[in-house]
Amino acid sequence: ATLSGHQGPVWQVAWAHPKFGSMLASCS
């Protein structure tokens, strides 16, 4: 997959623990 939504460089990504489902955070 490619996730598009930020409007500038994405600095970091972080996976949540799987007990919360399949979830990812990103900051830009």
PDB file of all heavy atoms in Angstrom:
ATOM      1  N   ALA A   1       0.840  -1.208   0.000  1.00  0.00           N
ATOM      2  CA  ALA A   1       0.000   0.000   0.000  1.00  0.00           C
ATOM      3  C   ALA A   1       0.868   1.249   0.000  1.00  0.00           C
ATOM      4  O   ALA A   1       2.003   1.243   0.477  1.00  0.00           O
ATOM      5  CB  ALA A   1      -0.913   0.007   1.230  1.00  0.00           C
ATOM      6  N   THR A   2       0.311   2.331  -0.542  1.00  0.00           N
ATOM      7  CA  THR A   2       0.906   3.671  -0.428  1.00  0.00           C
ATOM      8  C   THR A   2      -0.121   4.553   0.279  1.00  0.00           C
ATOM      9  O   THR A   2      -1.279   4.621  -0.140  1.00  0.00           O
ATOM     10  CB  THR A   2       1.226   4.266  -1.808  1.00  0.00           C
ATOM     11  OG1 THR A   2       2.185   3.428  -2.461  1.00  0.00           O
ATOM     12  CG2 THR A   2       1.809   5.664  -1.676  1.00  0.00           C
ATOM     13  N   LEU A   3       0.304   5.205   1.359  1.00  0.00           N
ATOM     14  CA  LEU A   3      -0.606   6.047   2.133  1.00  0.00           C
ATOM     15  C   LEU A   3      -0.288   7.510   1.834  1.00  0.00           C
ATOM     16  O   LEU A   3       0.806   7.993   2.130  1.00  0.00           O
ATOM     17  CB  LEU A   3      -0.456   5.780   3.636  1.00  0.00           C
ATOM     18  CG  LEU A   3      -0.441   4.304   4.081  1.00  0.00           C
ATOM     19  CD1 LEU A   3      -0.485   4.204   5.602  1.00  0.00           C
ATOM     20  CD2 LEU A   3      -1.597   3.535   3.488  1.00  0.00           C
ATOM     21  N   SER A   4      -1.235   8.205   1.243  1.00  0.00           N
ATOM     22  CA  SER A   4      -1.067   9.611   0.883  1.00  0.00           C
ATOM     23  C   SER A   4      -2.049  10.448   1.690  1.00  0.00           C
ATOM     24  O   SER A   4      -3.225  10.116   1.769  1.00  0.00           O
ATOM     25  CB  SER A   4      -1.332   9.822  -0.609  1.00  0.00           C
ATOM     26  OG  SER A   4      -0.464   8.998  -1.372  1.00  0.00           O
ATOM     27  N   GLY A   5      -1.549  11.531   2.270  1.00  0.00           N
ATOM     28  CA  GLY A   5      -2.408  12.385   3.092  1.00  0.00           C
ATOM     29  C   GLY A   5      -1.634  13.551   3.666  1.00  0.00           C
ATOM     30  O   GLY A   5      -2.204  14.605   3.955  1.00  0.00           O
ATOM     31  N   HIS A   6      -0.331  13.361   3.821  1.00  0.00           N
ATOM     32  CA  HIS A   6       0.503  14.467   4.296  1.00  0.00           C
ATOM     33  C   HIS A   6       0.839  15.406   3.137  1.00  0.00           C
ATOM     34  O   HIS A   6       0.837  15.006   1.968  1.00  0.00           O
ATOM     35  CB  HIS A   6       1.801  13.930   4.920  1.00  0.00           C
ATOM     36  CG  HIS A   6       1.605  13.359   6.288  1.00  0.00           C
ATOM     37  ND1 HIS A   6       1.209  14.116   7.365  1.00  0.00           N
ATOM     38  CD2 HIS A   6       1.746  12.089   6.762  1.00  0.00           C
ATOM     39  CE1 HIS A   6       1.127  13.347   8.446  1.00  0.00           C
ATOM     40  NE2 HIS A   6       1.440  12.112   8.099  1.00  0.00           N
ATOM     41  N   GLN A   7       1.155  16.660   3.498  1.00  0.00           N
ATOM     42  CA  GLN A   7       1.473  17.658   2.480  1.00  0.00           C
ATOM     43  C   GLN A   7       2.919  18.136   2.581  1.00  0.00           C
ATOM     44  O   GLN A   7       3.271  19.209   2.098  1.00  0.00           O
ATOM     45  CB  GLN A   7       0.509  18.841   2.611  1.00  0.00           C
ATOM     46  CG  GLN A   7      -0.885  18.446   2.173  1.00  0.00           C
ATOM     47  CD  GLN A   7      -1.943  19.438   2.617  1.00  0.00           C
ATOM     48  OE1 GLN A   7      -1.653  20.365   3.366  1.00  0.00           O
ATOM     49  NE2 GLN A   7      -3.161  19.215   2.166  1.00  0.00           N
ATOM     50  N   GLY A   8       3.750  17.330   3.212  1.00  0.00           N
ATOM     51  CA  GLY A   8       5.166  17.644   3.330  1.00  0.00           C
ATOM     52  C   GLY A   8       5.919  16.374   3.673  1.00  0.00           C
ATOM     53  O   GLY A   8       5.316  15.293   3.776  1.00  0.00           O
ATOM     54  N   PRO A   9       7.234  16.478   3.861  1.00  0.00           N
ATOM     55  CA  PRO A   9       8.017  15.293   4.220  1.00  0.00           C
ATOM     56  C   PRO A   9       7.435  14.585   5.444  1.00  0.00           C
ATOM     57  O   PRO A   9       7.007  15.241   6.397  1.00  0.00           O
ATOM     58  CB  PRO A   9       9.399  15.874   4.533  1.00  0.00           C
ATOM     59  CG  PRO A   9       9.470  17.140   3.742  1.00  0.00           C
ATOM     60  CD  PRO A   9       8.076  17.678   3.715  1.00  0.00           C
ATOM     61  N   VAL A  10       7.418  13.255   5.391  1.00  0.00           N
ATOM     62  CA  VAL A  10       6.975  12.453   6.542  1.00  0.00           C
ATOM     63  C   VAL A  10       8.235  12.019   7.288  1.00  0.00           C
ATOM     64  O   VAL A  10       9.110  11.366   6.716  1.00  0.00           O
ATOM     65  CB  VAL A  10       6.156  11.219   6.086  1.00  0.00           C
ATOM     66  CG1 VAL A  10       5.600  10.486   7.292  1.00  0.00           C
ATOM     67  CG2 VAL A  10       5.021  11.647   5.157  1.00  0.00           C
ATOM     68  N   TRP A  11       8.339  12.426   8.553  1.00  0.00           N
ATOM     69  CA  TRP A  11       9.572  12.178   9.313  1.00  0.00           C
ATOM     70  C   TRP A  11       9.592  10.809   9.979  1.00  0.00           C
ATOM     71  O   TRP A  11      10.612  10.144  10.004  1.00  0.00           O
ATOM     72  CB  TRP A  11       9.766  13.243  10.389  1.00  0.00           C
ATOM     73  CG  TRP A  11       9.855  14.655   9.928  1.00  0.00           C
ATOM     74  CD1 TRP A  11       9.153  15.724  10.424  1.00  0.00           C
ATOM     75  CD2 TRP A  11      10.710  15.205   8.912  1.00  0.00           C
ATOM     76  NE1 TRP A  11       9.509  16.872   9.767  1.00  0.00           N
ATOM     77  CE2 TRP A  11      10.461  16.590   8.847  1.00  0.00           C
ATOM     78  CE3 TRP A  11      11.657  14.651   8.050  1.00  0.00           C
ATOM     79  CZ2 TRP A  11      11.125  17.434   7.953  1.00  0.00           C
ATOM     80  CZ3 TRP A  11      12.314  15.496   7.165  1.00  0.00           C
ATOM     81  CH2 TRP A  11      12.051  16.856   7.116  1.00  0.00           C
ATOM     82  N   GLN A  12       8.466  10.414  10.577  1.00  0.00           N
ATOM     83  CA  GLN A  12       8.447   9.143  11.309  1.00  0.00           C
ATOM     84  C   GLN A  12       7.110   8.431  11.140  1.00  0.00           C
ATOM     85  O   GLN A  12       6.070   9.065  10.912  1.00  0.00           O
ATOM     86  CB  GLN A  12       8.714   9.368  12.810  1.00  0.00           C
ATOM     87  CG  GLN A  12      10.174   9.640  13.128  1.00  0.00           C
ATOM     88  CD  GLN A  12      10.470   9.648  14.633  1.00  0.00           C
ATOM     89  OE1 GLN A  12       9.628   9.328  15.469  1.00  0.00           O
ATOM     90  NE2 GLN A  12      11.686  10.022  14.977  1.00  0.00           N
ATOM     91  N   VAL A  13       7.186   7.112  11.276  1.00  0.00           N
ATOM     92  CA  VAL A  13       5.987   6.268  11.344  1.00  0.00           C
ATOM     93  C   VAL A  13       6.116   5.368  12.568  1.00  0.00           C
ATOM     94  O   VAL A  13       7.229   5.084  13.030  1.00  0.00           O
ATOM     95  CB  VAL A  13       5.827   5.393  10.074  1.00  0.00           C
ATOM     96  CG1 VAL A  13       5.323   6.214   8.902  1.00  0.00           C
ATOM     97  CG2 VAL A  13       7.128   4.687   9.714  1.00  0.00           C
ATOM     98  N   ALA A  14       4.981   4.944  13.114  1.00  0.00           N
ATOM     99  CA  ALA A  14       5.007   4.086  14.308  1.00  0.00           C
ATOM    100  C   ALA A  14       3.793   3.165  14.291  1.00  0.00           C
ATOM    101  O   ALA A  14       2.652   3.625  14.153  1.00  0.00           O
ATOM    102  CB  ALA A  14       4.991   4.948  15.579  1.00  0.00           C
ATOM    103  N   TRP A  15       4.048   1.862  14.420  1.00  0.00           N
ATOM    104  CA  TRP A  15       2.962   0.873  14.487  1.00  0.00           C
ATOM    105  C   TRP A  15       2.407   0.807  15.910  1.00  0.00           C
ATOM    106  O   TRP A  15       3.172   0.747  16.869  1.00  0.00           O
ATOM    107  CB  TRP A  15       3.488  -0.520  14.137  1.00  0.00           C
ATOM    108  CG  TRP A  15       3.969  -0.707  12.733  1.00  0.00           C
ATOM    109  CD1 TRP A  15       5.251  -0.549  12.284  1.00  0.00           C
ATOM    110  CD2 TRP A  15       3.202  -1.118  11.596  1.00  0.00           C
ATOM    111  NE1 TRP A  15       5.326  -0.829  10.944  1.00  0.00           N
ATOM    112  CE2 TRP A  15       4.087  -1.181  10.493  1.00  0.00           C
ATOM    113  CE3 TRP A  15       1.855  -1.449  11.408  1.00  0.00           C
ATOM    114  CZ2 TRP A  15       3.668  -1.552   9.224  1.00  0.00           C
ATOM    115  CZ3 TRP A  15       1.442  -1.818  10.140  1.00  0.00           C
ATOM    116  CH2 TRP A  15       2.329  -1.862   9.056  1.00  0.00           C
ATOM    117  N   ALA A  16       1.093   0.799  16.025  1.00  0.00           N
ATOM    118  CA  ALA A  16       0.475   0.556  17.328  1.00  0.00           C
ATOM    119  C   ALA A  16       0.578  -0.929  17.659  1.00  0.00           C
ATOM    120  O   ALA A  16       0.784  -1.775  16.772  1.00  0.00           O
ATOM    121  CB  ALA A  16      -0.986   0.999  17.307  1.00  0.00           C
ATOM    122  N   HIS A  17       0.428  -1.265  18.945  1.00  0.00           N
ATOM    123  CA  HIS A  17       0.426  -2.667  19.357  1.00  0.00           C
ATOM    124  C   HIS A  17      -0.756  -3.374  18.701  1.00  0.00           C
ATOM    125  O   HIS A  17      -1.853  -2.808  18.595  1.00  0.00           O
ATOM    126  CB  HIS A  17       0.321  -2.738  20.891  1.00  0.00           C
ATOM    127  CG  HIS A  17       0.531  -4.117  21.435  1.00  0.00           C
ATOM    128  ND1 HIS A  17      -0.479  -5.055  21.465  1.00  0.00           N
ATOM    129  CD2 HIS A  17       1.629  -4.718  21.964  1.00  0.00           C
ATOM    130  CE1 HIS A  17       0.000  -6.179  21.992  1.00  0.00           C
ATOM    131  NE2 HIS A  17       1.271  -6.002  22.301  1.00  0.00           N
ATOM    132  N   PRO A  18      -0.562  -4.625  18.236  1.00  0.00           N
ATOM    133  CA  PRO A  18      -1.634  -5.300  17.483  1.00  0.00           C
ATOM    134  C   PRO A  18      -2.915  -5.536  18.287  1.00  0.00           C
ATOM    135  O   PRO A  18      -3.967  -5.790  17.702  1.00  0.00           O
ATOM    136  CB  PRO A  18      -0.998  -6.629  17.050  1.00  0.00           C
ATOM    137  CG  PRO A  18       0.205  -6.799  17.901  1.00  0.00           C
ATOM    138  CD  PRO A  18       0.668  -5.433  18.271  1.00  0.00           C
ATOM    139  N   LYS A  19      -2.850  -5.424  19.622  1.00  0.00           N
ATOM    140  CA  LYS A  19      -4.096  -5.620  20.385  1.00  0.00           C
ATOM    141  C   LYS A  19      -5.106  -4.499  20.089  1.00  0.00           C
ATOM    142  O   LYS A  19      -6.280  -4.640  20.373  1.00  0.00           O
ATOM    143  CB  LYS A  19      -3.806  -5.734  21.878  1.00  0.00           C
ATOM    144  CG  LYS A  19      -3.635  -4.453  22.653  1.00  0.00           C
ATOM    145  CD  LYS A  19      -3.454  -4.774  24.131  1.00  0.00           C
ATOM    146  CE  LYS A  19      -3.619  -3.568  25.017  1.00  0.00           C
ATOM    147  NZ  LYS A  19      -3.286  -3.845  26.419  1.00  0.00           N
ATOM    148  N   PHE A  20      -4.614  -3.386  19.495  1.00  0.00           N
ATOM    149  CA  PHE A  20      -5.509  -2.290  19.118  1.00  0.00           C
ATOM    150  C   PHE A  20      -5.926  -2.379  17.649  1.00  0.00           C
ATOM    151  O   PHE A  20      -6.547  -1.453  17.125  1.00  0.00           O
ATOM    152  CB  PHE A  20      -4.822  -0.943  19.375  1.00  0.00           C
ATOM    153  CG  PHE A  20      -4.405  -0.750  20.815  1.00  0.00           C
ATOM    154  CD1 PHE A  20      -3.059  -0.740  21.166  1.00  0.00           C
ATOM    155  CD2 PHE A  20      -5.352  -0.599  21.814  1.00  0.00           C
ATOM    156  CE1 PHE A  20      -2.675  -0.571  22.483  1.00  0.00           C
ATOM    157  CE2 PHE A  20      -4.968  -0.431  23.144  1.00  0.00           C
ATOM    158  CZ  PHE A  20      -3.633  -0.421  23.480  1.00  0.00           C
ATOM    159  N   GLY A  21      -5.571  -3.480  16.996  1.00  0.00           N
ATOM    160  CA  GLY A  21      -5.868  -3.630  15.577  1.00  0.00           C
ATOM    161  C   GLY A  21      -4.672  -3.217  14.737  1.00  0.00           C
ATOM    162  O   GLY A  21      -3.595  -2.911  15.245  1.00  0.00           O
ATOM    163  N   SER A  22      -4.855  -3.194  13.428  1.00  0.00           N
ATOM    164  CA  SER A  22      -3.780  -2.835  12.508  1.00  0.00           C
ATOM    165  C   SER A  22      -3.810  -1.317  12.319  1.00  0.00           C
ATOM    166  O   SER A  22      -4.656  -0.782  11.606  1.00  0.00           O
ATOM    167  CB  SER A  22      -3.966  -3.563  11.180  1.00  0.00           C
ATOM    168  OG  SER A  22      -2.845  -3.378  10.363  1.00  0.00           O
ATOM    169  N   MET A  23      -2.878  -0.640  13.010  1.00  0.00           N
ATOM    170  CA  MET A  23      -2.920   0.815  13.074  1.00  0.00           C
ATOM    171  C   MET A  23      -1.509   1.383  12.997  1.00  0.00           C
ATOM    172  O   MET A  23      -0.568   0.814  13.538  1.00  0.00           O
ATOM    173  CB  MET A  23      -3.574   1.215  14.400  1.00  0.00           C
ATOM    174  CG  MET A  23      -4.162   2.593  14.414  1.00  0.00           C
ATOM    175  SD  MET A  23      -4.933   2.936  16.005  1.00  0.00           S
ATOM    176  CE  MET A  23      -6.367   1.921  15.930  1.00  0.00           C
ATOM    177  N   LEU A  24      -1.387   2.516  12.325  1.00  0.00           N
ATOM    178  CA  LEU A  24      -0.089   3.151  12.111  1.00  0.00           C
ATOM    179  C   LEU A  24      -0.253   4.652  12.325  1.00  0.00           C
ATOM    180  O   LEU A  24      -1.263   5.237  11.934  1.00  0.00           O
ATOM    181  CB  LEU A  24       0.362   2.875  10.664  1.00  0.00           C
ATOM    182  CG  LEU A  24       1.758   3.307  10.229  1.00  0.00           C
ATOM    183  CD1 LEU A  24       2.813   2.401  10.854  1.00  0.00           C
ATOM    184  CD2 LEU A  24       1.870   3.240   8.703  1.00  0.00           C
ATOM    185  N   ALA A  25       0.736   5.256  12.984  1.00  0.00           N
ATOM    186  CA  ALA A  25       0.741   6.722  13.125  1.00  0.00           C
ATOM    187  C   ALA A  25       1.871   7.285  12.287  1.00  0.00           C
ATOM    188  O   ALA A  25       2.903   6.635  12.096  1.00  0.00           O
ATOM    189  CB  ALA A  25       0.921   7.114  14.588  1.00  0.00           C
ATOM    190  N   SER A  26       1.681   8.526  11.799  1.00  0.00           N
ATOM    191  CA  SER A  26       2.736   9.191  11.039  1.00  0.00           C
ATOM    192  C   SER A  26       2.761  10.671  11.407  1.00  0.00           C
ATOM    193  O   SER A  26       1.744  11.247  11.797  1.00  0.00           O
ATOM    194  CB  SER A  26       2.504   9.036   9.532  1.00  0.00           C
ATOM    195  OG  SER A  26       1.262   9.605   9.150  1.00  0.00           O
ATOM    196  N   CYS A  27       3.959  11.272  11.292  1.00  0.00           N
ATOM    197  CA  CYS A  27       4.083  12.705  11.581  1.00  0.00           C
ATOM    198  C   CYS A  27       4.893  13.365  10.472  1.00  0.00           C
ATOM    199  O   CYS A  27       5.742  12.731   9.853  1.00  0.00           O
ATOM    200  CB  CYS A  27       4.724  12.950  12.947  1.00  0.00           C
ATOM    201  SG  CYS A  27       6.434  12.391  13.104  1.00  0.00           S
ATOM    202  N   SER A  28       4.629  14.649  10.271  1.00  0.00           N
ATOM    203  CA  SER A  28       5.168  15.305   9.081  1.00  0.00           C
ATOM    204  C   SER A  28       5.557  16.756   9.330  1.00  0.00           C
ATOM    205  O   SER A  28       5.139  17.387  10.305  1.00  0.00           O
ATOM    206  CB  SER A  28       4.109  15.247   7.969  1.00  0.00           C
ATOM    207  OG  SER A  28       4.404  16.117   6.901  1.00  0.00           O
TER     208      SER A  28
END
